Amino acid sequence: MITESAGVPSVSVITSSFTRAANLRAASLGMPGARIVVLPSPLASRPAEDVRRMAHDYAPEIVGLLTGGKAPDSQASGPSDDKWSDME
């Protein structure tokens, strides 16, 4: 978020465990519409291959937000969260 406030387009990529903290941080920086992509938690316990697939699946959304797209309600939720929820 700091890079965004400096004029560098950015997207914060977080896990669902940090959604509230990220939104509070964005608001405290005066950036309530910060672009945030939320991945399902946890990541640490997932096999590396699952994390690679998630990165691949979420990449188009991240690129879209960086190149002018806007996430619904100023917060991205990612591709088919249900796809990854069974892996939690």
Protein backbone atom coordinates (compact mmCIF):
# COMPACT_ATOMS: atom_id res chain seq x y z
CA MET A 1 0.00 0.00 0.00
CA ILE A 2 2.90 2.33 0.59
CA THR A 3 4.01 2.01 -3.03
CA GLU A 4 0.49 2.84 -4.20
CA SER A 5 0.47 6.00 -2.07
CA ALA A 6 3.77 6.94 -3.76
CA GLY A 7 2.12 6.67 -7.18
CA VAL A 8 3.29 3.17 -8.09
CA PRO A 9 0.34 0.94 -9.02
CA SER A 10 0.14 -2.00 -6.66
CA VAL A 11 -2.08 -4.77 -5.41
CA SER A 12 -1.83 -6.19 -1.92
CA VAL A 13 -2.04 -9.98 -1.96
CA ILE A 14 -3.02 -11.37 1.42
CA THR A 15 -4.62 -14.44 2.92
CA SER A 16 -8.11 -14.32 4.37
CA SER A 17 -6.66 -14.26 7.89
CA PHE A 18 -5.42 -10.72 7.22
CA THR A 19 -8.47 -9.22 5.52
CA ARG A 20 -9.54 -7.08 8.46
CA ALA A 21 -5.99 -5.89 9.16
CA ALA A 22 -5.42 -5.00 5.50
CA ASN A 23 -8.66 -3.04 5.28
CA LEU A 24 -7.86 -1.17 8.51
CA ARG A 25 -4.37 -0.38 7.24
CA ALA A 26 -5.74 0.88 3.93
CA ALA A 27 -8.25 3.08 5.74
CA SER A 28 -5.57 4.44 8.09
CA LEU A 29 -3.51 5.41 5.03
CA GLY A 30 -6.53 7.17 3.53
CA MET A 31 -6.85 4.47 0.87
CA PRO A 32 -10.20 2.76 1.53
CA GLY A 33 -10.33 1.65 -2.13
CA ALA A 34 -6.94 -0.06 -2.08
CA ARG A 35 -6.69 -3.00 -4.44
CA ILE A 36 -6.53 -6.18 -2.39
CA VAL A 37 -6.62 -9.78 -3.56
CA VAL A 38 -7.55 -12.23 -0.82
CA LEU A 39 -6.25 -15.79 -1.01
CA PRO A 40 -7.72 -18.51 1.20
CA SER A 41 -5.86 -19.25 4.43
CA PRO A 42 -3.61 -20.92 5.28
CA LEU A 43 -0.85 -21.02 2.70
CA ALA A 44 1.97 -22.36 4.85
CA SER A 45 0.45 -25.83 5.25
CA ARG A 46 -0.41 -26.26 1.57
CA PRO A 47 1.85 -28.27 -0.72
CA ALA A 48 4.06 -26.10 -2.94
CA GLU A 49 2.25 -27.34 -6.05
CA ASP A 50 -1.11 -26.10 -4.69
CA VAL A 51 0.40 -22.69 -3.97
CA ARG A 52 1.83 -22.56 -7.52
CA ARG A 53 -1.61 -23.36 -8.95
CA MET A 54 -3.19 -20.67 -6.77
CA ALA A 55 -0.61 -18.16 -8.00
CA HIS A 56 -1.42 -19.13 -11.57
CA ASP A 57 -5.17 -18.88 -10.95
CA TYR A 58 -5.00 -15.49 -9.22
CA ALA A 59 -2.43 -13.92 -11.59
CA PRO A 60 -5.00 -12.69 -14.16
CA GLU A 61 -6.95 -10.90 -11.45
CA ILE A 62 -3.82 -9.25 -10.08
CA VAL A 63 -2.69 -8.18 -13.55
CA GLY A 64 -6.19 -6.89 -14.30
CA LEU A 65 -6.19 -4.75 -11.18
CA LEU A 66 -2.75 -3.38 -12.03
CA THR A 67 -3.74 -2.51 -15.57
CA GLY A 68 -6.93 -0.64 -14.85
CA GLY A 69 -9.47 -3.16 -13.71
CA LYS A 70 -11.34 -2.64 -10.47
CA ALA A 71 -12.37 -5.29 -8.00
CA PRO A 72 -15.96 -5.43 -6.81
CA ASP A 73 -16.46 -3.38 -3.62
CA SER A 74 -12.83 -2.22 -3.92
CA GLN A 75 -11.66 -5.64 -2.81
CA ALA A 76 -10.82 -8.57 -4.99
CA SER A 77 -11.83 -12.02 -3.87
CA GLY A 78 -10.06 -14.20 -6.35
CA PRO A 79 -11.13 -16.89 -8.74
CA SER A 80 -13.71 -19.29 -7.43
CA ASP A 81 -12.83 -19.25 -3.75
CA ASP A 82 -14.79 -22.50 -3.41
CA LYS A 83 -12.15 -24.17 -5.57
CA TRP A 84 -9.57 -23.67 -2.85
CA SER A 85 -11.76 -23.84 0.28
CA ASP A 86 -11.72 -27.63 0.40
CA MET A 87 -7.94 -27.46 0.77
CA GLU A 88 -8.10 -25.50 4.03
